């Protein structure tokens, strides 16, 4: 895939510590077959390694859907995602197959129930993804840094930095960061 050119604007670096740590939601995710059908995928496209669909939040609820390959994630379409209606959890698809060397995950985010068909970079999902990473990858104690690539299918590639601090197998702190490009601005005169 080729990298899209940035529009007018200046790049702004940003890095934020999360105000609260991500947590797994008590509700169960929809059945895997329903998730696959709702995304226009096959059942065998869902899941890899120890990763399985899960619900996490760091403020906004997300259904995290591990997808087996970058090909499958590219085929995903938010066709009939009943769980996403009326403000339900947005859907964050991710795979460990990546486009950019050095990235840890490739992702897409659909949130039709929030009025967002697809988002090129979703900081709130990356924040909650810290919980997913600790739950399924079980990183050892210490500091960890990984990059999530998103927006490639939209022609708006984004790289989101996710920092984790793990102690005793538990997530103790997390941060998200990256660069932004101003694509438009406006002013309101009263």
C-alpha atoms as a PDB file:
ATOM      1  CA  UNK A   1       0.000   0.000   0.000  1.00  0.00           C
ATOM      2  CA  UNK A   2       1.205   3.488  -0.648  1.00  0.00           C
ATOM      3  CA  UNK A   3       1.212   6.236   1.919  1.00  0.00           C
ATOM      4  CA  UNK A   4      -1.260   9.040   1.249  1.00  0.00           C
ATOM      5  CA  UNK A   5       0.120  12.545   1.076  1.00  0.00           C
ATOM      6  CA  UNK A   6      -0.760  14.928   3.864  1.00  0.00           C
ATOM      7  CA  UNK A   7      -2.954  17.925   3.117  1.00  0.00           C
ATOM      8  CA  UNK A   8      -2.161  21.487   4.055  1.00  0.00           C
ATOM      9  CA  UNK A   9      -1.307  21.988   7.660  1.00  0.00           C
ATOM     10  CA  UNK A  10       1.500  21.444  10.062  1.00  0.00           C
ATOM     11  CA  UNK A  11       2.226  18.270  11.945  1.00  0.00           C
ATOM     12  CA  UNK A  12       1.602  18.465  15.670  1.00  0.00           C
ATOM     13  CA  UNK A  13       3.128  15.908  17.999  1.00  0.00           C
ATOM     14  CA  UNK A  14       0.901  14.685  20.782  1.00  0.00           C
ATOM     15  CA  UNK A  15       1.340  12.241  23.647  1.00  0.00           C
ATOM     16  CA  UNK A  16      -1.163  11.731  26.451  1.00  0.00           C
ATOM     17  CA  UNK A  17      -1.273   9.647  29.600  1.00  0.00           C
ATOM     18  CA  UNK A  18      -4.665   8.031  29.950  1.00  0.00           C
ATOM     19  CA  UNK A  19      -6.902   9.610  32.614  1.00  0.00           C
ATOM     20  CA  UNK A  20      -8.151   6.145  33.562  1.00  0.00           C
ATOM     21  CA  UNK A  21      -6.957   2.671  32.748  1.00  0.00           C
ATOM     22  CA  UNK A  22      -8.857   0.510  30.279  1.00  0.00           C
ATOM     23  CA  UNK A  23     -11.080  -2.210  31.661  1.00  0.00           C
ATOM     24  CA  UNK A  24     -12.873  -5.214  30.256  1.00  0.00           C
ATOM     25  CA  UNK A  25     -16.640  -4.758  30.116  1.00  0.00           C
ATOM     26  CA  UNK A  26     -18.801  -7.287  31.936  1.00  0.00           C
ATOM     27  CA  UNK A  27     -21.101  -7.884  28.961  1.00  0.00           C
ATOM     28  CA  UNK A  28     -20.246 -10.731  26.606  1.00  0.00           C
ATOM     29  CA  UNK A  29     -19.349  -9.923  23.006  1.00  0.00           C
ATOM     30  CA  UNK A  30     -21.790 -11.060  20.312  1.00  0.00           C
ATOM     31  CA  UNK A  31     -21.281 -14.632  19.062  1.00  0.00           C
ATOM     32  CA  UNK A  32     -18.307 -14.916  16.692  1.00  0.00           C
ATOM     33  CA  UNK A  33     -20.508 -16.074  13.801  1.00  0.00           C
ATOM     34  CA  UNK A  34     -22.712 -12.971  14.211  1.00  0.00           C
ATOM     35  CA  UNK A  35     -19.602 -10.760  14.256  1.00  0.00           C
ATOM     36  CA  UNK A  36     -18.238 -12.392  11.099  1.00  0.00           C
ATOM     37  CA  UNK A  37     -21.550 -12.062   9.254  1.00  0.00           C
ATOM     38  CA  UNK A  38     -22.027  -8.474  10.449  1.00  0.00           C
ATOM     39  CA  UNK A  39     -18.647  -7.567   8.958  1.00  0.00           C
ATOM     40  CA  UNK A  40     -19.088  -9.541   5.729  1.00  0.00           C
ATOM     41  CA  UNK A  41     -16.350 -11.990   6.750  1.00  0.00           C
ATOM     42  CA  UNK A  42     -16.097 -15.750   7.166  1.00  0.00           C
ATOM     43  CA  UNK A  43     -16.041 -17.381  10.584  1.00  0.00           C
ATOM     44  CA  UNK A  44     -12.458 -18.543  10.010  1.00  0.00           C
ATOM     45  CA  UNK A  45     -11.387 -14.900   9.463  1.00  0.00           C
ATOM     46  CA  UNK A  46     -12.027 -14.095  13.141  1.00  0.00           C
ATOM     47  CA  UNK A  47      -9.361 -14.687  15.784  1.00  0.00           C
ATOM     48  CA  UNK A  48      -5.638 -15.399  15.846  1.00  0.00           C
ATOM     49  CA  UNK A  49      -3.177 -16.721  18.426  1.00  0.00           C
ATOM     50  CA  UNK A  50      -4.915 -16.273  21.822  1.00  0.00           C
ATOM     51  CA  UNK A  51      -6.930 -13.255  20.624  1.00  0.00           C
ATOM     52  CA  UNK A  52     -10.730 -13.530  20.572  1.00  0.00           C
ATOM     53  CA  UNK A  53     -13.521 -10.934  20.367  1.00  0.00           C
ATOM     54  CA  UNK A  54     -13.766  -8.868  23.541  1.00  0.00           C
ATOM     55  CA  UNK A  55     -15.321  -5.706  24.954  1.00  0.00           C
ATOM     56  CA  UNK A  56     -13.086  -3.060  26.553  1.00  0.00           C
ATOM     57  CA  UNK A  57     -13.385   0.609  27.413  1.00  0.00           C
ATOM     58  CA  UNK A  58     -11.173   3.476  28.476  1.00  0.00           C
ATOM     59  CA  UNK A  59     -14.177   5.810  28.411  1.00  0.00           C
ATOM     60  CA  UNK A  60     -15.978   4.735  25.224  1.00  0.00           C
ATOM     61  CA  UNK A  61     -17.044   1.087  24.683  1.00  0.00           C
ATOM     62  CA  UNK A  62     -15.421  -0.937  21.884  1.00  0.00           C
ATOM     63  CA  UNK A  63     -15.944  -4.416  20.515  1.00  0.00           C
ATOM     64  CA  UNK A  64     -12.412  -5.564  19.650  1.00  0.00           C
ATOM     65  CA  UNK A  65     -12.376  -8.083  16.812  1.00  0.00           C
ATOM     66  CA  UNK A  66      -9.114  -9.891  16.041  1.00  0.00           C
ATOM     67  CA  UNK A  67      -8.918 -10.669  12.323  1.00  0.00           C
ATOM     68  CA  UNK A  68      -6.651 -13.412  10.985  1.00  0.00           C
ATOM     69  CA  UNK A  69      -5.035 -11.499   8.100  1.00  0.00           C
ATOM     70  CA  UNK A  70      -4.582  -8.119   6.471  1.00  0.00           C
ATOM     71  CA  UNK A  71      -6.470  -9.473   3.452  1.00  0.00           C
ATOM     72  CA  UNK A  72      -9.491 -10.276   5.623  1.00  0.00           C
ATOM     73  CA  UNK A  73      -9.394  -6.931   7.421  1.00  0.00           C
ATOM     74  CA  UNK A  74      -9.375  -5.249   3.997  1.00  0.00           C
ATOM     75  CA  UNK A  75     -12.519  -7.185   2.999  1.00  0.00           C
ATOM     76  CA  UNK A  76     -14.434  -6.197   6.139  1.00  0.00           C
ATOM     77  CA  UNK A  77     -17.534  -4.067   5.625  1.00  0.00           C
ATOM     78  CA  UNK A  78     -19.874  -2.732   8.311  1.00  0.00           C
ATOM     79  CA  UNK A  79     -22.895  -4.411   6.734  1.00  0.00           C
ATOM     80  CA  UNK A  80     -25.210  -5.477   9.554  1.00  0.00           C
ATOM     81  CA  UNK A  81     -23.591  -4.742  12.903  1.00  0.00           C
ATOM     82  CA  UNK A  82     -26.614  -4.863  15.201  1.00  0.00           C
ATOM     83  CA  UNK A  83     -24.400  -4.491  18.276  1.00  0.00           C
ATOM     84  CA  UNK A  84     -23.269  -1.079  16.952  1.00  0.00           C
ATOM     85  CA  UNK A  85     -26.758   0.469  16.606  1.00  0.00           C
ATOM     86  CA  UNK A  86     -28.043   3.231  18.867  1.00  0.00           C
ATOM     87  CA  UNK A  87     -24.717   4.129  20.452  1.00  0.00           C
ATOM     88  CA  UNK A  88     -23.664   0.522  21.088  1.00  0.00           C
ATOM     89  CA  UNK A  89     -19.975  -0.316  21.116  1.00  0.00           C
ATOM     90  CA  UNK A  90     -17.981   0.730  18.079  1.00  0.00           C
ATOM     91  CA  UNK A  91     -16.096  -2.063  16.334  1.00  0.00           C
ATOM     92  CA  UNK A  92     -12.294  -2.042  16.261  1.00  0.00           C
ATOM     93  CA  UNK A  93     -10.840  -4.709  13.979  1.00  0.00           C
ATOM     94  CA  UNK A  94      -7.154  -5.542  14.284  1.00  0.00           C
ATOM     95  CA  UNK A  95      -4.606  -7.992  12.910  1.00  0.00           C
ATOM     96  CA  UNK A  96      -0.956  -8.682  13.643  1.00  0.00           C
ATOM     97  CA  UNK A  97      -0.171  -8.547   9.898  1.00  0.00           C
ATOM     98  CA  UNK A  98       1.012  -5.019   9.120  1.00  0.00           C
ATOM     99  CA  UNK A  99       1.877  -2.752   6.199  1.00  0.00           C
ATOM    100  CA  UNK A 100       4.579  -0.610   7.858  1.00  0.00           C
ATOM    101  CA  UNK A 101       7.748  -2.186   9.235  1.00  0.00           C
ATOM    102  CA  UNK A 102       7.837  -1.615  12.984  1.00  0.00           C
ATOM    103  CA  UNK A 103       4.062  -1.612  13.464  1.00  0.00           C
ATOM    104  CA  UNK A 104       2.596  -4.180  15.846  1.00  0.00           C
ATOM    105  CA  UNK A 105      -1.032  -4.130  14.625  1.00  0.00           C
ATOM    106  CA  UNK A 106      -3.068  -3.023  11.601  1.00  0.00           C
ATOM    107  CA  UNK A 107      -6.560  -1.770  12.477  1.00  0.00           C
ATOM    108  CA  UNK A 108      -9.871  -0.411  11.225  1.00  0.00           C
ATOM    109  CA  UNK A 109     -12.694   1.166  13.255  1.00  0.00           C
ATOM    110  CA  UNK A 110     -16.389   1.234  12.328  1.00  0.00           C
ATOM    111  CA  UNK A 111     -18.912   3.179  14.416  1.00  0.00           C
ATOM    112  CA  UNK A 112     -22.103   3.650  12.399  1.00  0.00           C
ATOM    113  CA  UNK A 113     -24.092   3.871  15.632  1.00  0.00           C
ATOM    114  CA  UNK A 114     -22.008   6.933  16.526  1.00  0.00           C
ATOM    115  CA  UNK A 115     -22.402   8.475  13.069  1.00  0.00           C
ATOM    116  CA  UNK A 116     -18.874   7.489  11.975  1.00  0.00           C
ATOM    117  CA  UNK A 117     -18.713   5.052   9.055  1.00  0.00           C
ATOM    118  CA  UNK A 118     -14.944   4.517   9.455  1.00  0.00           C
ATOM    119  CA  UNK A 119     -12.301   6.470  11.344  1.00  0.00           C
ATOM    120  CA  UNK A 120      -8.698   6.856  10.135  1.00  0.00           C
ATOM    121  CA  UNK A 121      -7.251   7.167  13.669  1.00  0.00           C
ATOM    122  CA  UNK A 122      -9.096   6.393  16.892  1.00  0.00           C
ATOM    123  CA  UNK A 123      -7.254   7.445  20.037  1.00  0.00           C
ATOM    124  CA  UNK A 124      -9.989   6.265  22.412  1.00  0.00           C
ATOM    125  CA  UNK A 125      -9.890   2.786  20.831  1.00  0.00           C
ATOM    126  CA  UNK A 126      -6.085   2.708  21.033  1.00  0.00           C
ATOM    127  CA  UNK A 127      -6.383   3.612  24.725  1.00  0.00           C
ATOM    128  CA  UNK A 128      -8.782   0.715  25.370  1.00  0.00           C
ATOM    129  CA  UNK A 129      -6.566  -1.537  23.216  1.00  0.00           C
ATOM    130  CA  UNK A 130      -3.985  -1.343  26.004  1.00  0.00           C
ATOM    131  CA  UNK A 131      -6.318  -3.642  27.969  1.00  0.00           C
ATOM    132  CA  UNK A 132      -6.662  -5.994  24.997  1.00  0.00           C
ATOM    133  CA  UNK A 133      -2.883  -6.200  24.630  1.00  0.00           C
ATOM    134  CA  UNK A 134      -2.343  -7.049  28.291  1.00  0.00           C
ATOM    135  CA  UNK A 135      -5.209  -9.583  28.311  1.00  0.00           C
ATOM    136  CA  UNK A 136      -4.195 -11.522  25.205  1.00  0.00           C
ATOM    137  CA  UNK A 137      -0.475 -10.879  24.622  1.00  0.00           C
ATOM    138  CA  UNK A 138       0.386 -10.952  28.331  1.00  0.00           C
ATOM    139  CA  UNK A 139       3.527  -8.821  28.063  1.00  0.00           C
ATOM    140  CA  UNK A 140       6.084  -9.157  30.827  1.00  0.00           C
ATOM    141  CA  UNK A 141       6.653  -6.568  33.497  1.00  0.00           C
ATOM    142  CA  UNK A 142       8.194  -3.299  32.387  1.00  0.00           C
ATOM    143  CA  UNK A 143       7.656  -0.652  29.748  1.00  0.00           C
ATOM    144  CA  UNK A 144       6.359  -1.623  26.305  1.00  0.00           C
ATOM    145  CA  UNK A 145       5.813   0.482  23.199  1.00  0.00           C
ATOM    146  CA  UNK A 146       3.908  -0.547  20.101  1.00  0.00           C
ATOM    147  CA  UNK A 147       2.524   1.107  17.015  1.00  0.00           C
ATOM    148  CA  UNK A 148      -1.006   0.646  15.676  1.00  0.00           C
ATOM    149  CA  UNK A 149      -1.495   1.513  12.005  1.00  0.00           C
ATOM    150  CA  UNK A 150      -4.988   2.576  10.976  1.00  0.00           C
ATOM    151  CA  UNK A 151      -6.723   4.382   8.111  1.00  0.00           C
ATOM    152  CA  UNK A 152      -4.775   2.688   5.298  1.00  0.00           C
ATOM    153  CA  UNK A 153      -7.905   1.339   3.600  1.00  0.00           C
ATOM    154  CA  UNK A 154      -9.301   4.889   3.573  1.00  0.00           C
ATOM    155  CA  UNK A 155      -6.180   6.384   2.007  1.00  0.00           C
ATOM    156  CA  UNK A 156      -5.517   8.244   5.297  1.00  0.00           C
ATOM    157  CA  UNK A 157      -2.772   6.219   6.978  1.00  0.00           C
ATOM    158  CA  UNK A 158      -2.221   6.923  10.658  1.00  0.00           C
ATOM    159  CA  UNK A 159       0.340   5.590  13.121  1.00  0.00           C
ATOM    160  CA  UNK A 160      -0.705   5.600  16.779  1.00  0.00           C
ATOM    161  CA  UNK A 161       1.898   5.041  19.494  1.00  0.00           C
ATOM    162  CA  UNK A 162       0.689   3.008  22.471  1.00  0.00           C
ATOM    163  CA  UNK A 163       2.807   2.845  25.603  1.00  0.00           C
ATOM    164  CA  UNK A 164       2.201   0.309  28.363  1.00  0.00           C
ATOM    165  CA  UNK A 165       3.655  -0.043  31.840  1.00  0.00           C
ATOM    166  CA  UNK A 166       3.060  -3.537  33.240  1.00  0.00           C
ATOM    167  CA  UNK A 167       3.742  -4.558  36.833  1.00  0.00           C
ATOM    168  CA  UNK A 168       2.903  -7.945  38.337  1.00  0.00           C
ATOM    169  CA  UNK A 169       1.139  -8.887  35.098  1.00  0.00           C
ATOM    170  CA  UNK A 170      -1.249  -5.927  35.508  1.00  0.00           C
ATOM    171  CA  UNK A 171      -1.477  -2.751  33.448  1.00  0.00           C
ATOM    172  CA  UNK A 172      -0.286   0.105  35.702  1.00  0.00           C
ATOM    173  CA  UNK A 173      -0.260   2.955  33.189  1.00  0.00           C
ATOM    174  CA  UNK A 174      -0.764   3.590  29.501  1.00  0.00           C
ATOM    175  CA  UNK A 175      -0.210   6.422  27.068  1.00  0.00           C
ATOM    176  CA  UNK A 176      -1.156   7.142  23.487  1.00  0.00           C
ATOM    177  CA  UNK A 177       0.633   9.443  21.112  1.00  0.00           C
ATOM    178  CA  UNK A 178       1.423  10.285  17.559  1.00  0.00           C
ATOM    179  CA  UNK A 179       1.417  13.170  15.155  1.00  0.00           C
ATOM    180  CA  UNK A 180      -1.514  15.039  13.715  1.00  0.00           C
ATOM    181  CA  UNK A 181      -1.956  17.042  10.572  1.00  0.00           C
ATOM    182  CA  UNK A 182      -4.384  19.947  10.424  1.00  0.00           C
ATOM    183  CA  UNK A 183      -6.603  19.356   7.403  1.00  0.00           C
ATOM    184  CA  UNK A 184      -8.958  22.256   8.007  1.00  0.00           C
ATOM    185  CA  UNK A 185      -9.734  24.973  10.483  1.00  0.00           C
ATOM    186  CA  UNK A 186     -12.490  27.460  11.039  1.00  0.00           C
ATOM    187  CA  UNK A 187     -13.651  30.323  13.188  1.00  0.00           C
ATOM    188  CA  UNK A 188     -17.016  31.440  14.429  1.00  0.00           C
ATOM    189  CA  UNK A 189     -17.686  35.150  14.847  1.00  0.00           C
ATOM    190  CA  UNK A 190     -20.515  36.168  17.145  1.00  0.00           C
END
